[in-house]
Amino acid sequence: MVVHPAYGNYTGTLVNALLYYTNNLSSVNGNIRPGIIHRLDKDTSGLILVAKNNFCSCKTCFYVYR
């Protein structure tokens, strides 16, 4: 599944599904990637976290990207 909208993939993404469910997501990464915390590239495995607020997003990023 594509994580966030990008060229050629504007619908059917994880972000689209999350925004359908709730509008209360972190705005740290802007409107294109609300709440998304990850370090993934195409065709890789890894971890995706979704932050519901800016405090949790910043705190989690501190630990994920250390």
PDB file of N, CA and C in Angstrom:
ATOM      1  N   MET A   1       0.839  -1.171   0.000  1.00  0.00           N
ATOM      2  CA  MET A   1       0.000   0.000   0.000  1.00  0.00           C
ATOM      3  C   MET A   1       0.888   1.239   0.000  1.00  0.00           C
ATOM      4  N   VAL A   2       0.540   2.180  -0.816  1.00  0.00           N
ATOM      5  CA  VAL A   2       1.259   3.455  -0.852  1.00  0.00           C
ATOM      6  C   VAL A   2       0.930   4.219   0.429  1.00  0.00           C
ATOM      7  N   VAL A   3       1.935   4.817   1.047  1.00  0.00           N
ATOM      8  CA  VAL A   3       1.747   5.457   2.348  1.00  0.00           C
ATOM      9  C   VAL A   3       1.064   6.818   2.229  1.00  0.00           C
ATOM     10  N   HIS A   4       1.589   7.690   1.373  1.00  0.00           N
ATOM     11  CA  HIS A   4       1.007   9.023   1.249  1.00  0.00           C
ATOM     12  C   HIS A   4       0.876   9.395  -0.218  1.00  0.00           C
ATOM     13  N   PRO A   5      -0.055  10.287  -0.538  1.00  0.00           N
ATOM     14  CA  PRO A   5      -0.238  10.688  -1.932  1.00  0.00           C
ATOM     15  C   PRO A   5       1.036  11.262  -2.530  1.00  0.00           C
ATOM     16  N   ALA A   6       1.291  10.905  -3.764  1.00  0.00           N
ATOM     17  CA  ALA A   6       2.438  11.407  -4.523  1.00  0.00           C
ATOM     18  C   ALA A   6       2.077  11.316  -5.999  1.00  0.00           C
ATOM     19  N   TYR A   7       2.957  11.766  -6.841  1.00  0.00           N
ATOM     20  CA  TYR A   7       2.707  11.745  -8.277  1.00  0.00           C
ATOM     21  C   TYR A   7       2.288  10.346  -8.726  1.00  0.00           C
ATOM     22  N   GLY A   8       1.129  10.243  -9.335  1.00  0.00           N
ATOM     23  CA  GLY A   8       0.624   8.969  -9.835  1.00  0.00           C
ATOM     24  C   GLY A   8      -0.183   8.174  -8.826  1.00  0.00           C
ATOM     25  N   ASN A   9      -0.139   8.547  -7.549  1.00  0.00           N
ATOM     26  CA  ASN A   9      -0.892   7.861  -6.495  1.00  0.00           C
ATOM     27  C   ASN A   9      -1.539   8.891  -5.578  1.00  0.00           C
ATOM     28  N   TYR A  10      -2.695   9.376  -5.981  1.00  0.00           N
ATOM     29  CA  TYR A  10      -3.362  10.408  -5.198  1.00  0.00           C
ATOM     30  C   TYR A  10      -4.465   9.848  -4.318  1.00  0.00           C
ATOM     31  N   THR A  11      -4.924   8.638  -4.610  1.00  0.00           N
ATOM     32  CA  THR A  11      -6.001   8.032  -3.835  1.00  0.00           C
ATOM     33  C   THR A  11      -5.604   6.623  -3.425  1.00  0.00           C
ATOM     34  N   GLY A  12      -6.348   6.069  -2.476  1.00  0.00           N
ATOM     35  CA  GLY A  12      -6.102   4.699  -2.051  1.00  0.00           C
ATOM     36  C   GLY A  12      -4.843   4.527  -1.215  1.00  0.00           C
ATOM     37  N   THR A  13      -4.400   5.596  -0.556  1.00  0.00           N
ATOM     38  CA  THR A  13      -3.180   5.529   0.245  1.00  0.00           C
ATOM     39  C   THR A  13      -3.524   5.336   1.725  1.00  0.00           C
ATOM     40  N   LEU A  14      -2.528   5.019   2.519  1.00  0.00           N
ATOM     41  CA  LEU A  14      -2.719   4.900   3.958  1.00  0.00           C
ATOM     42  C   LEU A  14      -3.198   6.227   4.538  1.00  0.00           C
ATOM     43  N   VAL A  15      -2.619   7.336   4.096  1.00  0.00           N
ATOM     44  CA  VAL A  15      -3.048   8.648   4.586  1.00  0.00           C
ATOM     45  C   VAL A  15      -4.506   8.906   4.236  1.00  0.00           C
ATOM     46  N   ASN A  16      -4.936   8.562   3.033  1.00  0.00           N
ATOM     47  CA  ASN A  16      -6.346   8.727   2.660  1.00  0.00           C
ATOM     48  C   ASN A  16      -7.252   7.946   3.610  1.00  0.00           C
ATOM     49  N   ALA A  17      -6.860   6.725   3.939  1.00  0.00           N
ATOM     50  CA  ALA A  17      -7.658   5.891   4.845  1.00  0.00           C
ATOM     51  C   ALA A  17      -7.694   6.486   6.250  1.00  0.00           C
ATOM     52  N   LEU A  18      -6.553   6.968   6.739  1.00  0.00           N
ATOM     53  CA  LEU A  18      -6.500   7.573   8.070  1.00  0.00           C
ATOM     54  C   LEU A  18      -7.353   8.834   8.145  1.00  0.00           C
ATOM     55  N   LEU A  19      -7.292   9.667   7.113  1.00  0.00           N
ATOM     56  CA  LEU A  19      -8.089  10.894   7.105  1.00  0.00           C
ATOM     57  C   LEU A  19      -9.577  10.610   6.974  1.00  0.00           C
ATOM     58  N   TYR A  20      -9.936   9.501   6.371  1.00  0.00           N
ATOM     59  CA  TYR A  20     -11.339   9.099   6.323  1.00  0.00           C
ATOM     60  C   TYR A  20     -11.813   8.741   7.729  1.00  0.00           C
ATOM     61  N   TYR A  21     -10.921   8.127   8.501  1.00  0.00           N
ATOM     62  CA  TYR A  21     -11.239   7.685   9.852  1.00  0.00           C
ATOM     63  C   TYR A  21     -11.257   8.850  10.847  1.00  0.00           C
ATOM     64  N   THR A  22     -10.283   9.762  10.750  1.00  0.00           N
ATOM     65  CA  THR A  22     -10.175  10.878  11.689  1.00  0.00           C
ATOM     66  C   THR A  22      -9.426  12.050  11.068  1.00  0.00           C
ATOM     67  N   ASN A  23      -9.735  13.249  11.524  1.00  0.00           N
ATOM     68  CA  ASN A  23      -8.988  14.440  11.113  1.00  0.00           C
ATOM     69  C   ASN A  23      -8.013  14.878  12.190  1.00  0.00           C
ATOM     70  N   ASN A  24      -7.952  14.135  13.291  1.00  0.00           N
ATOM     71  CA  ASN A  24      -7.088  14.488  14.416  1.00  0.00           C
ATOM     72  C   ASN A  24      -5.761  13.765  14.329  1.00  0.00           C
ATOM     73  N   LEU A  25      -4.897  14.215  13.432  1.00  0.00           N
ATOM     74  CA  LEU A  25      -3.565  13.642  13.282  1.00  0.00           C
ATOM     75  C   LEU A  25      -2.530  14.747  13.409  1.00  0.00           C
ATOM     76  N   SER A  26      -1.320  14.376  13.723  1.00  0.00           N
ATOM     77  CA  SER A  26      -0.237  15.340  13.841  1.00  0.00           C
ATOM     78  C   SER A  26      -0.059  16.122  12.541  1.00  0.00           C
ATOM     79  N   SER A  27       0.252  17.401  12.671  1.00  0.00           N
ATOM     80  CA  SER A  27       0.472  18.243  11.492  1.00  0.00           C
ATOM     81  C   SER A  27       1.949  18.566  11.281  1.00  0.00           C
ATOM     82  N   VAL A  28       2.832  17.896  12.011  1.00  0.00           N
ATOM     83  CA  VAL A  28       4.271  18.161  11.922  1.00  0.00           C
ATOM     84  C   VAL A  28       4.789  17.976  10.497  1.00  0.00           C
ATOM     85  N   ASN A  29       4.331  16.948   9.807  1.00  0.00           N
ATOM     86  CA  ASN A  29       4.803  16.669   8.450  1.00  0.00           C
ATOM     87  C   ASN A  29       3.954  17.327   7.371  1.00  0.00           C
ATOM     88  N   GLY A  30       3.091  18.232   7.737  1.00  0.00           N
ATOM     89  CA  GLY A  30       2.284  18.959   6.762  1.00  0.00           C
ATOM     90  C   GLY A  30       1.038  18.194   6.335  1.00  0.00           C
ATOM     91  N   ASN A  31       0.381  18.716   5.310  1.00  0.00           N
ATOM     92  CA  ASN A  31      -0.883  18.138   4.849  1.00  0.00           C
ATOM     93  C   ASN A  31      -0.712  16.864   4.037  1.00  0.00           C
ATOM     94  N   ILE A  32       0.442  16.664   3.441  1.00  0.00           N
ATOM     95  CA  ILE A  32       0.640  15.494   2.584  1.00  0.00           C
ATOM     96  C   ILE A  32       0.882  14.231   3.402  1.00  0.00           C
ATOM     97  N   ARG A  33       1.539  14.368   4.568  1.00  0.00           N
ATOM     98  CA  ARG A  33       1.870  13.201   5.396  1.00  0.00           C
ATOM     99  C   ARG A  33       1.416  13.394   6.835  1.00  0.00           C
ATOM    100  N   PRO A  34       0.142  13.692   7.081  1.00  0.00           N
ATOM    101  CA  PRO A  34      -0.306  13.954   8.456  1.00  0.00           C
ATOM    102  C   PRO A  34      -0.159  12.725   9.349  1.00  0.00           C
ATOM    103  N   GLY A  35       0.550  12.899  10.451  1.00  0.00           N
ATOM    104  CA  GLY A  35       0.696  11.835  11.425  1.00  0.00           C
ATOM    105  C   GLY A  35       1.693  10.748  11.099  1.00  0.00           C
ATOM    106  N   ILE A  36       2.193  10.700   9.898  1.00  0.00           N
ATOM    107  CA  ILE A  36       3.060   9.597   9.476  1.00  0.00           C
ATOM    108  C   ILE A  36       4.485   9.779   9.993  1.00  0.00           C
ATOM    109  N   ILE A  37       4.981   8.735  10.660  1.00  0.00           N
ATOM    110  CA  ILE A  37       6.375   8.683  11.109  1.00  0.00           C
ATOM    111  C   ILE A  37       6.940   7.389  10.551  1.00  0.00           C
ATOM    112  N   HIS A  38       7.879   7.483   9.638  1.00  0.00           N
ATOM    113  CA  HIS A  38       8.466   6.263   9.092  1.00  0.00           C
ATOM    114  C   HIS A  38       9.817   6.532   8.463  1.00  0.00           C
ATOM    115  N   ARG A  39      10.523   5.472   8.235  1.00  0.00           N
ATOM    116  CA  ARG A  39      11.769   5.541   7.477  1.00  0.00           C
ATOM    117  C   ARG A  39      11.742   4.357   6.527  1.00  0.00           C
ATOM    118  N   LEU A  40      10.983   4.514   5.473  1.00  0.00           N
ATOM    119  CA  LEU A  40      10.811   3.459   4.481  1.00  0.00           C
ATOM    120  C   LEU A  40      11.079   4.007   3.092  1.00  0.00           C
ATOM    121  N   ASP A  41      11.565   3.149   2.239  1.00  0.00           N
ATOM    122  CA  ASP A  41      11.676   3.457   0.828  1.00  0.00           C
ATOM    123  C   ASP A  41      10.827   2.435   0.077  1.00  0.00           C
ATOM    124  N   LYS A  42      10.563   2.702  -1.163  1.00  0.00           N
ATOM    125  CA  LYS A  42       9.730   1.810  -1.965  1.00  0.00           C
ATOM    126  C   LYS A  42      10.274   0.382  -1.945  1.00  0.00           C
ATOM    127  N   ASP A  43       9.371  -0.576  -1.807  1.00  0.00           N
ATOM    128  CA  ASP A  43       9.692  -2.009  -1.837  1.00  0.00           C
ATOM    129  C   ASP A  43      10.623  -2.442  -0.701  1.00  0.00           C
ATOM    130  N   THR A  44      10.474  -1.845   0.466  1.00  0.00           N
ATOM    131  CA  THR A  44      11.243  -2.267   1.635  1.00  0.00           C
ATOM    132  C   THR A  44      10.286  -2.610   2.763  1.00  0.00           C
ATOM    133  N   SER A  45      10.797  -3.256   3.772  1.00  0.00           N
ATOM    134  CA  SER A  45       9.992  -3.531   4.960  1.00  0.00           C
ATOM    135  C   SER A  45      10.476  -2.633   6.080  1.00  0.00           C
ATOM    136  N   GLY A  46       9.650  -2.430   7.067  1.00  0.00           N
ATOM    137  CA  GLY A  46      10.045  -1.574   8.172  1.00  0.00           C
ATOM    138  C   GLY A  46       8.864  -1.258   9.055  1.00  0.00           C
ATOM    139  N   LEU A  47       8.910  -0.122   9.693  1.00  0.00           N
ATOM    140  CA  LEU A  47       7.927   0.279  10.683  1.00  0.00           C
ATOM    141  C   LEU A  47       7.291   1.598  10.288  1.00  0.00           C
ATOM    142  N   ILE A  48       5.978   1.658  10.420  1.00  0.00           N
ATOM    143  CA  ILE A  48       5.255   2.905  10.210  1.00  0.00           C
ATOM    144  C   ILE A  48       4.467   3.178  11.477  1.00  0.00           C
ATOM    145  N   LEU A  49       4.630   4.388  12.008  1.00  0.00           N
ATOM    146  CA  LEU A  49       3.865   4.828  13.167  1.00  0.00           C
ATOM    147  C   LEU A  49       2.981   5.981  12.734  1.00  0.00           C
ATOM    148  N   VAL A  50       1.835   6.110  13.391  1.00  0.00           N
ATOM    149  CA  VAL A  50       0.930   7.221  13.122  1.00  0.00           C
ATOM    150  C   VAL A  50       0.731   7.988  14.418  1.00  0.00           C
ATOM    151  N   ALA A  51       1.079   9.264  14.408  1.00  0.00           N
ATOM    152  CA  ALA A  51       0.946  10.109  15.591  1.00  0.00           C
ATOM    153  C   ALA A  51      -0.363  10.887  15.540  1.00  0.00           C
ATOM    154  N   LYS A  52      -1.090  10.860  16.642  1.00  0.00           N
ATOM    155  CA  LYS A  52      -2.360  11.571  16.698  1.00  0.00           C
ATOM    156  C   LYS A  52      -2.208  13.041  17.069  1.00  0.00           C
ATOM    157  N   ASN A  53      -1.030  13.434  17.578  1.00  0.00           N
ATOM    158  CA  ASN A  53      -0.827  14.848  17.901  1.00  0.00           C
ATOM    159  C   ASN A  53       0.645  15.215  17.719  1.00  0.00           C
ATOM    160  N   ASN A  54       0.920  16.510  17.723  1.00  0.00           N
ATOM    161  CA  ASN A  54       2.274  17.001  17.451  1.00  0.00           C
ATOM    162  C   ASN A  54       3.264  16.622  18.552  1.00  0.00           C
ATOM    163  N   PHE A  55       2.825  16.616  19.803  1.00  0.00           N
ATOM    164  CA  PHE A  55       3.712  16.253  20.896  1.00  0.00           C
ATOM    165  C   PHE A  55       4.226  14.829  20.716  1.00  0.00           C
ATOM    166  N   CYS A  56       3.315  13.906  20.464  1.00  0.00           N
ATOM    167  CA  CYS A  56       3.705  12.499  20.274  1.00  0.00           C
ATOM    168  C   CYS A  56       4.577  12.326  19.035  1.00  0.00           C
ATOM    169  N   SER A  57       4.285  13.071  17.992  1.00  0.00           N
ATOM    170  CA  SER A  57       5.078  12.984  16.770  1.00  0.00           C
ATOM    171  C   SER A  57       6.523  13.405  17.026  1.00  0.00           C
ATOM    172  N   CYS A  58       6.706  14.533  17.680  1.00  0.00           N
ATOM    173  CA  CYS A  58       8.062  15.034  17.951  1.00  0.00           C
ATOM    174  C   CYS A  58       8.813  14.112  18.897  1.00  0.00           C
ATOM    175  N   LYS A  59       8.146  13.636  19.931  1.00  0.00           N
ATOM    176  CA  LYS A  59       8.786  12.749  20.901  1.00  0.00           C
ATOM    177  C   LYS A  59       9.192  11.434  20.240  1.00  0.00           C
ATOM    178  N   THR A  60       8.317  10.873  19.424  1.00  0.00           N
ATOM    179  CA  THR A  60       8.600   9.608  18.766  1.00  0.00           C
ATOM    180  C   THR A  60       9.720   9.763  17.744  1.00  0.00           C
ATOM    181  N   CYS A  61       9.698  10.830  16.961  1.00  0.00           N
ATOM    182  CA  CYS A  61      10.757  11.054  15.966  1.00  0.00           C
ATOM    183  C   CYS A  61      12.119  11.145  16.621  1.00  0.00           C
ATOM    184  N   PHE A  62      12.170  11.732  17.800  1.00  0.00           N
ATOM    185  CA  PHE A  62      13.434  11.848  18.523  1.00  0.00           C
ATOM    186  C   PHE A  62      14.038  10.452  18.734  1.00  0.00           C
ATOM    187  N   TYR A  63      13.226   9.473  19.088  1.00  0.00           N
ATOM    188  CA  TYR A  63      13.717   8.125  19.352  1.00  0.00           C
ATOM    189  C   TYR A  63      13.906   7.309  18.083  1.00  0.00           C
ATOM    190  N   VAL A  64      13.058   7.492  17.094  1.00  0.00           N
ATOM    191  CA  VAL A  64      13.148   6.711  15.853  1.00  0.00           C
ATOM    192  C   VAL A  64      14.375   7.105  15.044  1.00  0.00           C
ATOM    193  N   TYR A  65      14.692   8.381  14.978  1.00  0.00           N
ATOM    194  CA  TYR A  65      15.776   8.854  14.112  1.00  0.00           C
ATOM    195  C   TYR A  65      17.094   9.072  14.839  1.00  0.00           C
ATOM    196  N   ARG A  66      17.219   8.626  16.075  1.00  0.00           N
ATOM    197  CA  ARG A  66      18.479   8.749  16.814  1.00  0.00           C
ATOM    198  C   ARG A  66      19.515   7.807  16.307  1.00  0.00           C
TER     199      ARG A  66
END
